[in-house]
């Protein structure tokens, strides 16, 4: 603090008067020893002389002819920040598996640390598959749909410290899919595809992975998102997300994103659920855990949530209005309005955890 540095006995000092014997400025410390009955002018950020143990702020002082009149009692340690107050010897500055942010960089710099060991950004390649897909903005022919899944995944991946390669749309041709995945696996750490992992006649991605790599598991007891494939081609990991847009987004958030965080060197935290009151009934068939898109309302009565309309797995419109996912346990049937449900806000999902 701007004021005067002095030595205070155990009972404190003041009110009283001291002679001003010099000054200590930020970056220009006082080089002498503080004599009995003396003080020095000091500014914010300046080093406190070893012979002083307190600072009285200038608002509590008046000065006349180099005599400082102190109008209050000052105790030892007042307005002084001791060495090691922010970080002590042996303390951890930044823990392993943490994504470095601006606050960490500032603290590292304050500690004089200019280099740390980090994990190299994983290289992620993204494909869509399906003869029905065309790029947004192109002509939409009969039987075609615009590719929205890849666009969503590319945007979601921007939230993570990864290097992204957009490899476009793959046709429903076994040889083309096999060639593309083989080539991409040689230069990437993880491949992310949507579509082609269900049981249809044109779903070739799963069989290709079984041929050129290893499929670790296929299908989840989850709605939306049952057809999800995970495996690897050599050292390259593979996630085959469902083709339905909502299913692709939900499985990315719940399954693929935590794996990517681990690949980035991070430590993915368990999904945090919050309790909310359901404002209207939710229909559900027992058997699979379901995640519906919801809209939260921080009402006076507490946190409330409502589903955002038709929950079909093709309904991207339910995401545009949503700010959370509502979890419905697999054993539940209809959940009545007024009951408590678990929700996970998107701000806890769409980011590196």
Foldseek 3Di string as FASTA:
>chain_A
DFAKFAAADQVFDDQDKAAEDEEFEQVRGDDDAADPRHIHGYDPNTDHDPNTFEGDHHVQWDDDPRMIGGNDTTHGNYPDDDPCNVHHPPDDLDDFQDDDDPVSVVSCVVVVHDDDDFFDAFEEEEEEEEPQEDDPPDDRDPSHDYDDQRVVVVVLCVQDRHHYHYPYYHYLDQVRLLVVVVVVQVPGQEYEYEALQDPDPSSRNVVSCVVQWNWPDAADLEPPWGGWTWTGRVNHTYIYTYNQRQRSVVCCQPPVQCVSSVVRRHHDDPFDWDKAFEAAKDFDDARGKYKAFWAWDQDPVGIHIYGQPDRDSNDCVSVVRGFWIWIDDRGDGMDGGGDITIIGGVVRGSHND
